Structures are given as C-alpha cells and as structure tokens.
C-alpha cells in the first residue's frame, strides 16, 4: 500500500498516503463485520441456541461448515481468481 502511495506521489505530485491507509482500514473493518455477521447468520440457520446444553445436529453441522467449509470456499475462490485474472 505504501509503495502505491509513493508511486502516485512520484507520478502526480499528490500525497495520498493518508487516504490509502484510511481506505485500507475501512475495508478491513467492513470485511471483519461482514465475516462476523456471516457466522451469526450460519448459526441462526442451524438453529443454534446458547441456552441449550446439547445443540441440535443442525447447529453442529453449521458450526462445522463455518470452521471447515467457509475457509475452503474462500481459498478456492482466491485460487480461481489468481488463475483467471480479469
């Protein structure tokens, strides 16, 4: 990110270091929020109930999906996009 800001400053004379870092921070906060919400949505779909001592199978399946399926899907998507750039 800093290299991009340096390149823009050299090419145009504009110092965008603060803007680029603020944009990166904003993007990280949004993606963290969406990721946390997605976990919550999966738990709701699985009928998770924190007051129960033993969770139903549907909740356990959603927890397994969140821990194993979601990272696999993201990694597969990143690998696909790296192999087929726009």
Protein backbone atom coordinates (compact mmCIF):
# COMPACT_ATOMS: atom_id res chain seq x y z
CA UNK A 1 0.00 0.00 0.00
CA UNK A 2 2.81 2.40 0.85
CA UNK A 3 4.53 1.61 -2.45
CA UNK A 4 1.36 2.57 -4.31
CA UNK A 5 1.17 5.89 -2.47
CA UNK A 6 4.83 6.55 -3.25
CA UNK A 7 4.27 5.77 -6.94
CA UNK A 8 1.29 8.14 -7.13
CA UNK A 9 3.29 10.87 -5.38
CA UNK A 10 6.15 10.49 -7.87
CA UNK A 11 3.85 10.43 -10.89
CA UNK A 12 1.39 13.17 -9.98
CA UNK A 13 2.81 15.02 -7.01
CA UNK A 14 -0.22 14.13 -4.87
CA UNK A 15 0.42 12.64 -1.45
CA UNK A 16 -2.31 10.03 -0.92
CA UNK A 17 -0.65 8.12 1.93
CA UNK A 18 -3.32 9.04 4.48
CA UNK A 19 -6.17 8.37 2.07
CA UNK A 20 -4.79 4.97 1.06
CA UNK A 21 -4.23 3.86 4.65
CA UNK A 22 -7.68 5.08 5.71
CA UNK A 23 -9.25 3.22 2.78
CA UNK A 24 -7.41 0.03 3.70
CA UNK A 25 -8.52 0.35 7.34
CA UNK A 26 -12.12 0.97 6.29
CA UNK A 27 -12.09 -2.09 4.04
CA UNK A 28 -10.69 -4.26 6.80
CA UNK A 29 -13.37 -3.10 9.24
CA UNK A 30 -16.17 -3.72 6.75
CA UNK A 31 -14.88 -7.19 5.87
CA UNK A 32 -14.48 -8.09 9.55
CA UNK A 33 -18.07 -7.03 10.21
CA UNK A 34 -19.43 -8.97 7.26
CA UNK A 35 -17.44 -12.05 8.30
CA UNK A 36 -18.75 -11.89 11.86
CA UNK A 37 -22.30 -11.40 10.60
CA UNK A 38 -21.95 -14.38 8.26
CA UNK A 39 -21.00 -16.61 11.20
CA UNK A 40 -24.05 -15.35 13.08
CA UNK A 41 -26.31 -16.00 10.08
CA UNK A 42 -24.98 -19.56 9.80
CA UNK A 43 -25.71 -20.15 13.49
CA UNK A 44 -29.24 -18.80 13.10
CA UNK A 45 -29.80 -21.05 10.07
CA UNK A 46 -28.58 -24.00 12.12
CA UNK A 47 -30.99 -23.23 15.00
CA UNK A 48 -28.18 -22.63 17.48
CA UNK A 49 -29.46 -21.89 20.99
CA UNK A 50 -26.87 -20.81 23.56
CA UNK A 51 -29.17 -21.81 26.44
CA UNK A 52 -29.16 -25.47 25.41
CA UNK A 53 -26.60 -27.78 26.96
CA UNK A 54 -26.59 -30.02 23.86
CA UNK A 55 -27.00 -28.37 20.47
CA UNK A 56 -29.16 -29.91 17.73
CA UNK A 57 -27.42 -31.66 14.84
CA UNK A 58 -28.30 -28.80 12.52
CA UNK A 59 -26.37 -26.35 14.72
CA UNK A 60 -23.37 -28.67 14.91
CA UNK A 61 -23.42 -29.05 11.13
CA UNK A 62 -23.43 -25.27 10.69
CA UNK A 63 -20.55 -24.89 13.14
CA UNK A 64 -18.60 -27.48 11.15
CA UNK A 65 -19.45 -25.63 7.94
CA UNK A 66 -18.21 -22.36 9.45
CA UNK A 67 -14.90 -23.89 10.53
CA UNK A 68 -14.23 -26.11 7.53
CA UNK A 69 -16.44 -25.17 4.59
CA UNK A 70 -16.12 -21.39 4.66
CA UNK A 71 -12.30 -21.22 4.65
CA UNK A 72 -12.22 -23.84 1.90
CA UNK A 73 -14.66 -21.80 -0.20
CA UNK A 74 -12.66 -18.61 0.28
CA UNK A 75 -9.38 -20.35 -0.55
CA UNK A 76 -10.92 -21.93 -3.66
CA UNK A 77 -12.28 -18.57 -4.78
CA UNK A 78 -8.92 -16.89 -4.30
CA UNK A 79 -7.13 -19.66 -6.16
CA UNK A 80 -9.62 -19.43 -9.03
CA UNK A 81 -9.29 -15.64 -9.25
CA UNK A 82 -5.49 -15.92 -9.22
CA UNK A 83 -5.58 -18.40 -12.09
CA UNK A 84 -8.16 -16.41 -14.10
CA UNK A 85 -7.41 -12.69 -13.65
CA UNK A 86 -9.93 -10.20 -15.09
